[in-house]
Amino acid sequence: MKHSLPMMTPAAFQEVSGVSRETLERLQRYVAVLSHWQKRINLVGTATLADVWRRHVWDSAQLKPLLPAETRVLMDVGSGAGFPGLVLALLGVPEVHLVEVDARKSAFLREAARVTDTPVILHTARIETLSPWPVDVVTARAVAPLGSLLTLVAPFLSRPEALGVFLKGRNAEEELTTARKQWRMTVTRIPSQSDPSGVVLCVKEVYRA
């Protein structure tokens, strides 16, 4: 269960992630602006803020080592509060596109990027309305069941080397079973380091069944 784990402090996050002191300070600014904006708009589940470093920051940062070494362009779908896309940009992915249709959440992302001095490209739009461009990695967290998510992002995963990295919960296997009725893909399952019931699905070679 998620709540069986001790709350993660910034120091504990730094220990498991290996980030520099400068990066940790930028992440702390991110958490501060998140907490401030959360009072006005619902960015994350309010109860999760008590353990924000595990539930959101580490949940996102654990993806960085899973990205191919040559990753340059990453697109994060349904960015919301910036997890995982803005965190991955802050951790050094060169070109990160954040896709978020909600104008208020988009405004938060713009402010969080400014406060943390993190360059990102923000698209306040539905993913379906965007013309695909070459990306190396597509990320998403809590956007849609896998089958529906693939329908949204498949145009961006058309190159054989393109990789989808999706944070999923306890229903991951059920979502995979349903998705495979419509999609063929190569899947690697990686246990989540932030949530014992979660999994990271790395998918590639995605095409319609």
N, C-alpha and C. Protein backbone atom coordinates (compact mmCIF):
# COMPACT_ATOMS: atom_id res chain seq x y z
N MET A 1 0.84 -1.19 0.00
CA MET A 1 0.00 0.00 0.00
C MET A 1 0.87 1.24 0.00
N LYS A 2 0.39 2.29 -0.65
CA LYS A 2 1.17 3.51 -0.75
C LYS A 2 1.54 4.06 0.62
N HIS A 3 0.59 4.03 1.56
CA HIS A 3 0.80 4.70 2.82
C HIS A 3 1.62 3.87 3.80
N SER A 4 2.07 2.68 3.41
CA SER A 4 2.91 1.88 4.28
C SER A 4 4.35 2.37 4.24
N LEU A 5 4.68 3.18 3.27
CA LEU A 5 6.03 3.70 3.15
C LEU A 5 6.18 4.96 3.99
N PRO A 6 7.37 5.17 4.56
CA PRO A 6 7.58 6.42 5.31
C PRO A 6 7.58 7.61 4.35
N MET A 7 7.19 8.76 4.86
CA MET A 7 7.21 9.95 4.03
C MET A 7 8.65 10.27 3.61
N MET A 8 8.81 10.75 2.41
CA MET A 8 10.13 11.05 1.88
C MET A 8 10.46 12.52 2.08
N THR A 9 11.60 12.77 2.65
CA THR A 9 12.07 14.14 2.83
C THR A 9 12.88 14.56 1.60
N PRO A 10 13.12 15.86 1.44
CA PRO A 10 13.99 16.29 0.34
C PRO A 10 15.37 15.63 0.40
N ALA A 11 15.91 15.47 1.61
CA ALA A 11 17.22 14.83 1.75
C ALA A 11 17.17 13.36 1.31
N ALA A 12 16.09 12.68 1.67
CA ALA A 12 15.94 11.28 1.25
C ALA A 12 15.79 11.18 -0.26
N PHE A 13 15.04 12.13 -0.85
CA PHE A 13 14.92 12.15 -2.31
C PHE A 13 16.29 12.34 -2.95
N GLN A 14 17.07 13.27 -2.43
CA GLN A 14 18.40 13.52 -2.99
C GLN A 14 19.27 12.27 -2.91
N GLU A 15 19.13 11.53 -1.82
CA GLU A 15 19.94 10.32 -1.64
C GLU A 15 19.59 9.26 -2.68
N VAL A 16 18.29 9.04 -2.92
CA VAL A 16 17.91 7.97 -3.86
C VAL A 16 18.08 8.41 -5.32
N SER A 17 17.95 9.70 -5.57
CA SER A 17 18.01 10.17 -6.96
C SER A 17 19.40 10.60 -7.39
N GLY A 18 20.22 10.99 -6.43
CA GLY A 18 21.57 11.44 -6.76
C GLY A 18 21.64 12.82 -7.38
N VAL A 19 20.60 13.63 -7.23
CA VAL A 19 20.62 14.97 -7.84
C VAL A 19 21.59 15.88 -7.09
N SER A 20 22.04 16.91 -7.77
CA SER A 20 22.95 17.87 -7.16
C SER A 20 22.20 18.77 -6.18
N ARG A 21 22.96 19.49 -5.37
CA ARG A 21 22.33 20.41 -4.42
C ARG A 21 21.57 21.51 -5.18
N GLU A 22 22.13 21.96 -6.29
CA GLU A 22 21.45 22.99 -7.09
C GLU A 22 20.11 22.48 -7.63
N THR A 23 20.12 21.26 -8.15
CA THR A 23 18.88 20.67 -8.67
C THR A 23 17.86 20.49 -7.56
N LEU A 24 18.32 20.05 -6.41
CA LEU A 24 17.40 19.88 -5.27
C LEU A 24 16.77 21.22 -4.90
N GLU A 25 17.55 22.28 -4.90
CA GLU A 25 17.02 23.60 -4.56
C GLU A 25 15.97 24.04 -5.58
N ARG A 26 16.20 23.75 -6.85
CA ARG A 26 15.21 24.08 -7.88
C ARG A 26 13.94 23.27 -7.68
N LEU A 27 14.08 22.00 -7.34
CA LEU A 27 12.91 21.16 -7.07
C LEU A 27 12.14 21.66 -5.84
N GLN A 28 12.86 22.16 -4.86
CA GLN A 28 12.20 22.71 -3.68
C GLN A 28 11.39 23.96 -4.04
N ARG A 29 11.89 24.75 -4.97
CA ARG A 29 11.13 25.91 -5.45
C ARG A 29 9.87 25.44 -6.17
N TYR A 30 10.02 24.37 -6.92
CA TYR A 30 8.87 23.78 -7.63
C TYR A 30 7.80 23.34 -6.63
N VAL A 31 8.20 22.62 -5.60
CA VAL A 31 7.25 22.14 -4.59
C VAL A 31 6.58 23.32 -3.90
N ALA A 32 7.33 24.38 -3.65
CA ALA A 32 6.76 25.56 -2.99
C ALA A 32 5.70 26.23 -3.84
N VAL A 33 5.97 26.38 -5.13
CA VAL A 33 4.98 27.03 -6.01
C VAL A 33 3.77 26.11 -6.22
N LEU A 34 4.00 24.80 -6.23
CA LEU A 34 2.90 23.84 -6.32
C LEU A 34 1.98 23.98 -5.11
N SER A 35 2.57 24.02 -3.93
CA SER A 35 1.77 24.13 -2.71
C SER A 35 0.97 25.43 -2.69
N HIS A 36 1.57 26.50 -3.19
CA HIS A 36 0.89 27.80 -3.23
C HIS A 36 -0.29 27.77 -4.19
N TRP A 37 -0.07 27.25 -5.38
CA TRP A 37 -1.15 27.22 -6.38
C TRP A 37 -2.24 26.21 -6.04
N GLN A 38 -1.87 25.15 -5.31
CA GLN A 38 -2.84 24.12 -4.95
C GLN A 38 -3.99 24.71 -4.14
N LYS A 39 -3.74 25.81 -3.45
CA LYS A 39 -4.79 26.46 -2.66
C LYS A 39 -5.87 27.06 -3.55
N ARG A 40 -5.51 27.32 -4.82
CA ARG A 40 -6.45 27.96 -5.74
C ARG A 40 -7.04 27.01 -6.77
N ILE A 41 -6.21 26.11 -7.26
CA ILE A 41 -6.70 25.15 -8.25
C ILE A 41 -6.22 23.75 -7.87
N ASN A 42 -6.99 22.75 -8.23
CA ASN A 42 -6.68 21.38 -7.86
C ASN A 42 -5.66 20.80 -8.83
N LEU A 43 -4.40 20.81 -8.44
CA LEU A 43 -3.33 20.31 -9.29
C LEU A 43 -3.01 18.85 -9.01
N VAL A 44 -3.00 18.49 -7.73
CA VAL A 44 -2.77 17.11 -7.31
C VAL A 44 -3.75 16.79 -6.19
N GLY A 45 -3.90 15.53 -5.87
CA GLY A 45 -4.75 15.17 -4.74
C GLY A 45 -4.21 15.82 -3.48
N THR A 46 -5.04 16.58 -2.78
CA THR A 46 -4.57 17.34 -1.63
C THR A 46 -3.88 16.45 -0.60
N ALA A 47 -4.39 15.26 -0.39
CA ALA A 47 -3.80 14.35 0.60
C ALA A 47 -2.38 13.93 0.22
N THR A 48 -2.07 13.98 -1.08
CA THR A 48 -0.74 13.53 -1.52
C THR A 48 0.34 14.58 -1.26
N LEU A 49 -0.05 15.82 -0.98
CA LEU A 49 0.95 16.87 -0.74
C LEU A 49 1.79 16.59 0.49
N ALA A 50 1.23 15.87 1.46
CA ALA A 50 1.99 15.55 2.67
C ALA A 50 3.22 14.71 2.36
N ASP A 51 3.16 13.94 1.28
CA ASP A 51 4.30 13.11 0.87
C ASP A 51 4.67 13.43 -0.59
N VAL A 52 4.74 14.73 -0.87
CA VAL A 52 4.93 15.18 -2.26
C VAL A 52 6.24 14.70 -2.86
N TRP A 53 7.27 14.54 -2.02
CA TRP A 53 8.57 14.14 -2.57
C TRP A 53 8.56 12.70 -3.06
N ARG A 54 7.81 11.82 -2.41
CA ARG A 54 7.70 10.45 -2.91
C ARG A 54 6.60 10.33 -3.98
N ARG A 55 5.43 10.84 -3.66
CA ARG A 55 4.25 10.60 -4.49
C ARG A 55 4.33 11.30 -5.85
N HIS A 56 5.08 12.39 -5.91
CA HIS A 56 5.11 13.15 -7.17
C HIS A 56 6.52 13.38 -7.72
N VAL A 57 7.43 13.87 -6.86
CA VAL A 57 8.77 14.19 -7.37
C VAL A 57 9.57 12.93 -7.69
N TRP A 58 9.66 12.00 -6.73
CA TRP A 58 10.39 10.75 -6.98
C TRP A 58 9.64 9.87 -7.99
N ASP A 59 8.32 9.90 -7.92
CA ASP A 59 7.53 9.15 -8.90
C ASP A 59 7.91 9.56 -10.32
N SER A 60 8.17 10.84 -10.52
CA SER A 60 8.56 11.35 -11.84
C SER A 60 10.05 11.11 -12.12
N ALA A 61 10.89 11.43 -11.14
CA ALA A 61 12.34 11.36 -11.35
C ALA A 61 12.83 9.94 -11.62
N GLN A 62 12.12 8.93 -11.11
CA GLN A 62 12.54 7.54 -11.34
C GLN A 62 12.55 7.17 -12.82
N LEU A 63 11.87 7.97 -13.64
CA LEU A 63 11.84 7.67 -15.08
C LEU A 63 13.13 8.07 -15.79
N LYS A 64 13.85 9.01 -15.23
CA LYS A 64 15.03 9.54 -15.93
C LYS A 64 16.02 8.44 -16.34
N PRO A 65 16.39 7.51 -15.45
CA PRO A 65 17.33 6.46 -15.86
C PRO A 65 16.76 5.48 -16.89
N LEU A 66 15.44 5.51 -17.07
CA LEU A 66 14.81 4.59 -18.03
C LEU A 66 14.82 5.14 -19.46
N LEU A 67 15.13 6.42 -19.60
CA LEU A 67 15.13 7.03 -20.92
C LEU A 67 16.38 6.61 -21.68
N PRO A 68 16.27 6.34 -22.98
CA PRO A 68 17.46 6.03 -23.76
C PRO A 68 18.50 7.15 -23.64
N ALA A 69 19.76 6.78 -23.66
CA ALA A 69 20.84 7.76 -23.46
C ALA A 69 20.80 8.88 -24.48
N GLU A 70 20.30 8.58 -25.68
CA GLU A 70 20.28 9.57 -26.76
C GLU A 70 19.01 10.42 -26.76
N THR A 71 18.17 10.28 -25.74
CA THR A 71 16.92 11.04 -25.70
C THR A 71 17.18 12.54 -25.76
N ARG A 72 16.57 13.20 -26.73
CA ARG A 72 16.69 14.65 -26.85
C ARG A 72 15.33 15.33 -26.75
N VAL A 73 14.31 14.76 -27.43
CA VAL A 73 12.99 15.38 -27.47
C VAL A 73 12.00 14.48 -26.73
N LEU A 74 11.34 15.04 -25.73
CA LEU A 74 10.36 14.30 -24.93
C LEU A 74 9.05 15.07 -24.94
N MET A 75 7.95 14.35 -25.09
CA MET A 75 6.63 14.95 -25.02
C MET A 75 5.87 14.33 -23.85
N ASP A 76 5.36 15.19 -22.96
CA ASP A 76 4.59 14.75 -21.81
C ASP A 76 3.13 15.11 -22.03
N VAL A 77 2.26 14.12 -22.01
CA VAL A 77 0.85 14.32 -22.35
C VAL A 77 0.02 14.47 -21.08
N GLY A 78 -0.87 15.45 -21.06
CA GLY A 78 -1.69 15.69 -19.88
C GLY A 78 -0.83 16.08 -18.70
N SER A 79 0.02 17.09 -18.90
CA SER A 79 1.07 17.42 -17.93
C SER A 79 0.53 17.85 -16.58
N GLY A 80 -0.64 18.49 -16.53
CA GLY A 80 -1.26 18.83 -15.25
C GLY A 80 -0.37 19.68 -14.37
N ALA A 81 0.12 19.07 -13.28
CA ALA A 81 0.99 19.78 -12.34
C ALA A 81 2.46 19.67 -12.72
N GLY A 82 2.74 19.02 -13.86
CA GLY A 82 4.12 18.92 -14.34
C GLY A 82 4.80 17.60 -14.07
N PHE A 83 4.02 16.61 -13.61
CA PHE A 83 4.58 15.29 -13.33
C PHE A 83 4.17 14.31 -14.42
N PRO A 84 5.11 13.66 -15.09
CA PRO A 84 6.55 13.72 -14.85
C PRO A 84 7.31 14.73 -15.71
N GLY A 85 6.65 15.36 -16.70
CA GLY A 85 7.36 16.12 -17.73
C GLY A 85 8.25 17.24 -17.23
N LEU A 86 7.73 18.09 -16.36
CA LEU A 86 8.53 19.22 -15.90
C LEU A 86 9.70 18.76 -15.04
N VAL A 87 9.49 17.72 -14.24
CA VAL A 87 10.58 17.17 -13.44
C VAL A 87 11.69 16.65 -14.35
N LEU A 88 11.32 15.95 -15.42
CA LEU A 88 12.33 15.40 -16.34
C LEU A 88 13.07 16.52 -17.06
N ALA A 89 12.37 17.61 -17.38
CA ALA A 89 13.04 18.77 -17.97
C ALA A 89 14.04 19.36 -16.98
N LEU A 90 13.62 19.47 -15.74
CA LEU A 90 14.49 20.01 -14.70
C LEU A 90 15.71 19.11 -14.48
N LEU A 91 15.54 17.82 -14.70
CA LEU A 91 16.64 16.87 -14.53
C LEU A 91 17.54 16.79 -15.76
N GLY A 92 17.22 17.57 -16.79
CA GLY A 92 18.18 17.70 -17.88
C GLY A 92 17.79 17.18 -19.25
N VAL A 93 16.56 16.68 -19.45
CA VAL A 93 16.16 16.30 -20.80
C VAL A 93 16.16 17.57 -21.66
N PRO A 94 16.86 17.57 -22.79
CA PRO A 94 17.10 18.82 -23.52
C PRO A 94 15.87 19.56 -24.02
N GLU A 95 14.92 18.84 -24.61
CA GLU A 95 13.75 19.51 -25.21
C GLU A 95 12.48 18.80 -24.74
N VAL A 96 11.74 19.44 -23.85
CA VAL A 96 10.54 18.84 -23.29
C VAL A 96 9.31 19.64 -23.70
N HIS A 97 8.35 18.95 -24.30
CA HIS A 97 7.07 19.54 -24.68
C HIS A 97 6.03 19.11 -23.65
N LEU A 98 5.37 20.08 -23.02
CA LEU A 98 4.30 19.80 -22.08
C LEU A 98 2.97 20.07 -22.76
N VAL A 99 2.10 19.07 -22.79
CA VAL A 99 0.79 19.20 -23.44
C VAL A 99 -0.27 19.18 -22.37
N GLU A 100 -0.97 20.31 -22.21
CA GLU A 100 -1.99 20.44 -21.17
C GLU A 100 -3.10 21.37 -21.67
N VAL A 101 -4.30 20.83 -21.81
CA VAL A 101 -5.41 21.59 -22.38
C VAL A 101 -6.01 22.59 -21.40
N ASP A 102 -5.93 22.31 -20.09
CA ASP A 102 -6.54 23.18 -19.10
C ASP A 102 -5.74 24.48 -18.96
N ALA A 103 -6.38 25.61 -19.20
CA ALA A 103 -5.68 26.89 -19.21
C ALA A 103 -5.08 27.24 -17.85
N ARG A 104 -5.78 26.90 -16.78
CA ARG A 104 -5.26 27.23 -15.45
C ARG A 104 -4.04 26.37 -15.11
N LYS A 105 -4.10 25.10 -15.44
CA LYS A 105 -2.94 24.24 -15.21
C LYS A 105 -1.78 24.65 -16.10
N SER A 106 -2.10 25.08 -17.31
CA SER A 106 -1.07 25.56 -18.22
C SER A 106 -0.39 26.81 -17.65
N ALA A 107 -1.18 27.68 -17.04
CA ALA A 107 -0.61 28.87 -16.40
C ALA A 107 0.31 28.48 -15.24
N PHE A 108 -0.09 27.47 -14.48
CA PHE A 108 0.78 26.98 -13.41
C PHE A 108 2.09 26.46 -13.97
N LEU A 109 2.01 25.66 -15.03
CA LEU A 109 3.21 25.09 -15.62
C LEU A 109 4.16 26.19 -16.09
N ARG A 110 3.62 27.23 -16.67
CA ARG A 110 4.44 28.36 -17.12
C ARG A 110 5.16 29.01 -15.94
N GLU A 111 4.42 29.20 -14.84
CA GLU A 111 5.00 29.82 -13.66
C GLU A 111 6.03 28.91 -13.00
N ALA A 112 5.73 27.62 -12.91
CA ALA A 112 6.67 26.68 -12.30
C ALA A 112 7.96 26.59 -13.11
N ALA A 113 7.84 26.62 -14.42
CA ALA A 113 9.03 26.59 -15.28
C ALA A 113 9.85 27.87 -15.08
N ARG A 114 9.17 29.00 -14.91
CA ARG A 114 9.87 30.27 -14.70
C ARG A 114 10.59 30.26 -13.35
N VAL A 115 9.89 29.84 -12.30
CA VAL A 115 10.45 29.87 -10.94
C VAL A 115 11.65 28.93 -10.82
N THR A 116 11.61 27.83 -11.54
CA THR A 116 12.70 26.85 -11.45
C THR A 116 13.74 27.03 -12.56
N ASP A 117 13.54 28.04 -13.41
CA ASP A 117 14.46 28.31 -14.52
C ASP A 117 14.66 27.06 -15.38
N THR A 118 13.51 26.49 -15.79
CA THR A 118 13.52 25.26 -16.58
C THR A 118 12.91 25.51 -17.95
N PRO A 119 13.69 25.44 -19.02
CA PRO A 119 13.13 25.67 -20.35
C PRO A 119 12.24 24.51 -20.80
N VAL A 120 10.99 24.81 -21.14
CA VAL A 120 10.06 23.83 -21.70
C VAL A 120 9.28 24.49 -22.82
N ILE A 121 8.64 23.68 -23.64
CA ILE A 121 7.75 24.17 -24.69
C ILE A 121 6.34 23.75 -24.29
N LEU A 122 5.49 24.73 -24.07
CA LEU A 122 4.15 24.48 -23.53
C LEU A 122 3.11 24.54 -24.64
N HIS A 123 2.28 23.51 -24.70
CA HIS A 123 1.18 23.44 -25.68
C HIS A 123 -0.14 23.42 -24.90
N THR A 124 -0.86 24.52 -24.89
CA THR A 124 -2.17 24.54 -24.23
C THR A 124 -3.19 24.08 -25.26
N ALA A 125 -3.31 22.77 -25.40
CA ALA A 125 -4.12 22.18 -26.46
C ALA A 125 -4.37 20.72 -26.16
N ARG A 126 -5.37 20.17 -26.83
CA ARG A 126 -5.59 18.73 -26.77
C ARG A 126 -4.57 18.05 -27.68
N ILE A 127 -4.06 16.92 -27.24
CA ILE A 127 -3.07 16.20 -28.02
C ILE A 127 -3.59 15.85 -29.42
N GLU A 128 -4.90 15.60 -29.51
CA GLU A 128 -5.49 15.23 -30.81
C GLU A 128 -5.40 16.35 -31.84
N THR A 129 -5.27 17.59 -31.39
CA THR A 129 -5.25 18.73 -32.32
C THR A 129 -3.85 19.07 -32.79
N LEU A 130 -2.84 18.41 -32.25
CA LEU A 130 -1.46 18.74 -32.60
C LEU A 130 -0.97 17.87 -33.75
N SER A 131 -0.31 18.50 -34.69
CA SER A 131 0.32 17.74 -35.78
C SER A 131 1.58 17.08 -35.24
N PRO A 132 1.74 15.79 -35.46
CA PRO A 132 2.89 15.08 -34.88
C PRO A 132 4.23 15.65 -35.35
N TRP A 133 5.20 15.63 -34.45
CA TRP A 133 6.57 15.98 -34.77
C TRP A 133 7.46 14.87 -34.22
N PRO A 134 8.69 14.75 -34.69
CA PRO A 134 9.55 13.66 -34.23
C PRO A 134 9.89 13.79 -32.75
N VAL A 135 9.57 12.77 -31.97
CA VAL A 135 9.94 12.74 -30.55
C VAL A 135 10.66 11.42 -30.27
N ASP A 136 11.49 11.45 -29.25
CA ASP A 136 12.19 10.24 -28.83
C ASP A 136 11.39 9.47 -27.79
N VAL A 137 10.74 10.23 -26.90
CA VAL A 137 10.01 9.61 -25.79
C VAL A 137 8.70 10.35 -25.56
N VAL A 138 7.64 9.59 -25.28
CA VAL A 138 6.36 10.16 -24.84
C VAL A 138 6.11 9.66 -23.42
N THR A 139 5.80 10.58 -22.50
CA THR A 139 5.49 10.19 -21.14
C THR A 139 4.06 10.58 -20.80
N ALA A 140 3.48 9.90 -19.82
CA ALA A 140 2.13 10.23 -19.34
C ALA A 140 1.93 9.59 -17.99
N ARG A 141 1.13 10.29 -17.16
CA ARG A 141 0.77 9.75 -15.85
C ARG A 141 -0.69 10.12 -15.58
N ALA A 142 -1.49 9.12 -15.26
CA ALA A 142 -2.89 9.34 -14.88
C ALA A 142 -3.67 10.12 -15.93
N VAL A 143 -3.45 9.79 -17.21
CA VAL A 143 -4.14 10.49 -18.29
C VAL A 143 -5.37 9.70 -18.75
N ALA A 144 -5.16 8.41 -19.05
CA ALA A 144 -6.23 7.56 -19.59
C ALA A 144 -5.78 6.12 -19.51
N PRO A 145 -6.72 5.16 -19.56
CA PRO A 145 -6.33 3.75 -19.68
C PRO A 145 -5.41 3.56 -20.88
N LEU A 146 -4.57 2.55 -20.83
CA LEU A 146 -3.52 2.38 -21.83
C LEU A 146 -4.05 2.39 -23.27
N GLY A 147 -5.15 1.66 -23.53
CA GLY A 147 -5.68 1.61 -24.89
C GLY A 147 -6.06 2.98 -25.41
N SER A 148 -6.75 3.76 -24.58
CA SER A 148 -7.14 5.11 -24.97
C SER A 148 -5.93 6.01 -25.10
N LEU A 149 -4.96 5.84 -24.20
CA LEU A 149 -3.74 6.64 -24.26
C LEU A 149 -2.98 6.39 -25.56
N LEU A 150 -2.88 5.13 -25.96
CA LEU A 150 -2.18 4.81 -27.21
C LEU A 150 -2.89 5.43 -28.41
N THR A 151 -4.21 5.48 -28.38
CA THR A 151 -4.94 6.14 -29.47
C THR A 151 -4.51 7.59 -29.59
N LEU A 152 -4.27 8.24 -28.46
CA LEU A 152 -3.86 9.65 -28.46
C LEU A 152 -2.43 9.84 -28.93
N VAL A 153 -1.53 8.96 -28.50
CA VAL A 153 -0.11 9.22 -28.73
C VAL A 153 0.51 8.41 -29.85
N ALA A 154 -0.21 7.44 -30.42
CA ALA A 154 0.36 6.59 -31.47
C ALA A 154 0.99 7.38 -32.62
N PRO A 155 0.40 8.51 -33.06
CA PRO A 155 1.05 9.27 -34.14
C PRO A 155 2.46 9.75 -33.78
N PHE A 156 2.73 9.91 -32.50
CA PHE A 156 4.05 10.36 -32.06
C PHE A 156 5.00 9.19 -31.82
N LEU A 157 4.46 7.97 -31.84
CA LEU A 157 5.28 6.78 -31.61
C LEU A 157 5.47 5.97 -32.90
N SER A 158 5.32 6.63 -34.03
CA SER A 158 5.35 5.92 -35.31
C SER A 158 6.75 5.47 -35.70
N ARG A 159 7.77 6.15 -35.21
CA ARG A 159 9.14 5.72 -35.53
C ARG A 159 9.50 4.50 -34.68
N PRO A 160 10.20 3.52 -35.25
CA PRO A 160 10.50 2.27 -34.53
C PRO A 160 11.25 2.50 -33.22
N GLU A 161 12.08 3.54 -33.18
CA GLU A 161 12.88 3.78 -31.98
C GLU A 161 12.16 4.62 -30.93
N ALA A 162 11.00 5.17 -31.26
CA ALA A 162 10.26 6.01 -30.30
C ALA A 162 9.75 5.14 -29.14
N LEU A 163 9.79 5.71 -27.95
CA LEU A 163 9.47 4.96 -26.74
C LEU A 163 8.38 5.66 -25.94
N GLY A 164 7.38 4.92 -25.50
CA GLY A 164 6.38 5.44 -24.58
C GLY A 164 6.71 4.97 -23.17
N VAL A 165 6.73 5.90 -22.22
CA VAL A 165 7.05 5.57 -20.83
C VAL A 165 5.88 6.05 -19.98
N PHE A 166 5.09 5.11 -19.48
CA PHE A 166 3.82 5.44 -18.84
C PHE A 166 3.78 4.92 -17.41
N LEU A 167 3.49 5.82 -16.48
CA LEU A 167 3.31 5.44 -15.08
C LEU A 167 1.91 4.89 -14.88
N LYS A 168 1.83 3.68 -14.36
CA LYS A 168 0.53 3.02 -14.19
C LYS A 168 0.39 2.47 -12.77
N GLY A 169 -0.84 2.26 -12.36
CA GLY A 169 -1.13 1.75 -11.02
C GLY A 169 -1.42 0.27 -11.01
N ARG A 170 -2.21 -0.14 -10.04
CA ARG A 170 -2.44 -1.56 -9.81
C ARG A 170 -3.22 -2.24 -10.94
N ASN A 171 -3.87 -1.46 -11.81
CA ASN A 171 -4.66 -2.04 -12.90
C ASN A 171 -3.88 -2.17 -14.20
N ALA A 172 -2.57 -2.07 -14.14
CA ALA A 172 -1.75 -2.06 -15.35
C ALA A 172 -1.96 -3.29 -16.22
N GLU A 173 -2.00 -4.48 -15.60
CA GLU A 173 -2.14 -5.71 -16.39
C GLU A 173 -3.50 -5.77 -17.07
N GLU A 174 -4.51 -5.34 -16.35
CA GLU A 174 -5.86 -5.30 -16.93
C GLU A 174 -5.90 -4.32 -18.11
N GLU A 175 -5.24 -3.17 -17.96
CA GLU A 175 -5.19 -2.20 -19.06
C GLU A 175 -4.44 -2.77 -20.25
N LEU A 176 -3.36 -3.50 -19.99
CA LEU A 176 -2.60 -4.12 -21.07
C LEU A 176 -3.45 -5.14 -21.83
N THR A 177 -4.16 -5.97 -21.11
CA THR A 177 -5.01 -6.98 -21.74
C THR A 177 -6.04 -6.33 -22.65
N THR A 178 -6.67 -5.27 -22.16
CA THR A 178 -7.66 -4.56 -22.97
C THR A 178 -7.02 -3.88 -24.16
N ALA A 179 -5.88 -3.24 -23.95
CA ALA A 179 -5.22 -2.50 -25.03
C ALA A 179 -4.79 -3.43 -26.16
N ARG A 180 -4.40 -4.66 -25.80
CA ARG A 180 -3.89 -5.58 -26.82
C ARG A 180 -4.98 -6.10 -27.75
N LYS A 181 -6.23 -5.80 -27.45
CA LYS A 181 -7.30 -6.13 -28.38
C LYS A 181 -7.27 -5.21 -29.59
N GLN A 182 -6.65 -4.04 -29.43
CA GLN A 182 -6.57 -3.06 -30.52
C GLN A 182 -5.16 -2.77 -30.98
N TRP A 183 -4.18 -3.05 -30.12
CA TRP A 183 -2.81 -2.62 -30.40
C TRP A 183 -1.82 -3.76 -30.29
N ARG A 184 -0.80 -3.71 -31.13
CA ARG A 184 0.37 -4.56 -30.99
C ARG A 184 1.50 -3.69 -30.49
N MET A 185 2.31 -4.21 -29.58
CA MET A 185 3.40 -3.42 -29.02
C MET A 185 4.39 -4.33 -28.33
N THR A 186 5.60 -3.81 -28.15
CA THR A 186 6.60 -4.46 -27.32
C THR A 186 6.59 -3.76 -25.97
N VAL A 187 6.41 -4.52 -24.89
CA VAL A 187 6.23 -3.93 -23.56
C VAL A 187 7.31 -4.43 -22.59
N THR A 188 7.88 -3.51 -21.86
CA THR A 188 8.74 -3.84 -20.73
C THR A 188 8.10 -3.30 -19.46
N ARG A 189 7.96 -4.14 -18.45
CA ARG A 189 7.36 -3.73 -17.18
C ARG A 189 8.47 -3.51 -16.16
N ILE A 190 8.43 -2.36 -15.51
CA ILE A 190 9.43 -2.03 -14.50
C ILE A 190 8.70 -1.64 -13.21
N PRO A 191 8.94 -2.33 -12.10
CA PRO A 191 8.25 -1.99 -10.86
C PRO A 191 8.51 -0.54 -10.46
N SER A 192 7.48 0.14 -10.02
CA SER A 192 7.63 1.52 -9.55
C SER A 192 8.46 1.55 -8.27
N GLN A 193 9.36 2.52 -8.18
CA GLN A 193 10.16 2.69 -6.96
C GLN A 193 9.46 3.59 -5.94
N SER A 194 8.40 4.26 -6.38
CA SER A 194 7.70 5.18 -5.48
C SER A 194 6.41 4.60 -4.92
N ASP A 195 5.89 3.57 -5.58
CA ASP A 195 4.59 3.01 -5.21
C ASP A 195 4.64 1.49 -5.41
N PRO A 196 4.63 0.72 -4.34
CA PRO A 196 4.73 -0.74 -4.46
C PRO A 196 3.65 -1.37 -5.34
N SER A 197 2.51 -0.69 -5.49
CA SER A 197 1.44 -1.25 -6.31
C SER A 197 1.52 -0.75 -7.76
N GLY A 198 2.49 0.10 -8.06
CA GLY A 198 2.58 0.70 -9.39
C GLY A 198 3.61 0.04 -10.28
N VAL A 199 3.55 0.41 -11.55
CA VAL A 199 4.48 -0.13 -12.54
C VAL A 199 4.72 0.94 -13.60
N VAL A 200 5.90 0.90 -14.17
CA VAL A 200 6.21 1.74 -15.32
C VAL A 200 6.16 0.85 -16.56
N LEU A 201 5.33 1.22 -17.52
CA LEU A 201 5.24 0.47 -18.77
C LEU A 201 6.05 1.21 -19.84
N CYS A 202 7.05 0.54 -20.37
CA CYS A 202 7.84 1.08 -21.48
C CYS A 202 7.39 0.36 -22.74
N VAL A 203 6.80 1.10 -23.67
CA VAL A 203 6.24 0.47 -24.87
C VAL A 203 6.88 1.06 -26.12
N LYS A 204 7.07 0.20 -27.10
CA LYS A 204 7.58 0.65 -28.40
C LYS A 204 7.06 -0.27 -29.49
N GLU A 205 7.35 0.10 -30.73
CA GLU A 205 6.85 -0.66 -31.89
C GLU A 205 5.34 -0.83 -31.79
N VAL A 206 4.67 0.31 -31.62
CA VAL A 206 3.21 0.34 -31.43
C VAL A 206 2.51 0.46 -32.76
N TYR A 207 1.59 -0.44 -33.03
CA TYR A 207 0.77 -0.32 -34.23
C TYR A 207 -0.57 -1.02 -34.02
N ARG A 208 -1.52 -0.65 -34.83
CA ARG A 208 -2.88 -1.21 -34.71
C ARG A 208 -2.90 -2.71 -34.95
N ALA A 209 -3.66 -3.40 -34.15
CA ALA A 209 -3.80 -4.85 -34.31
C ALA A 209 -4.59 -5.18 -35.56
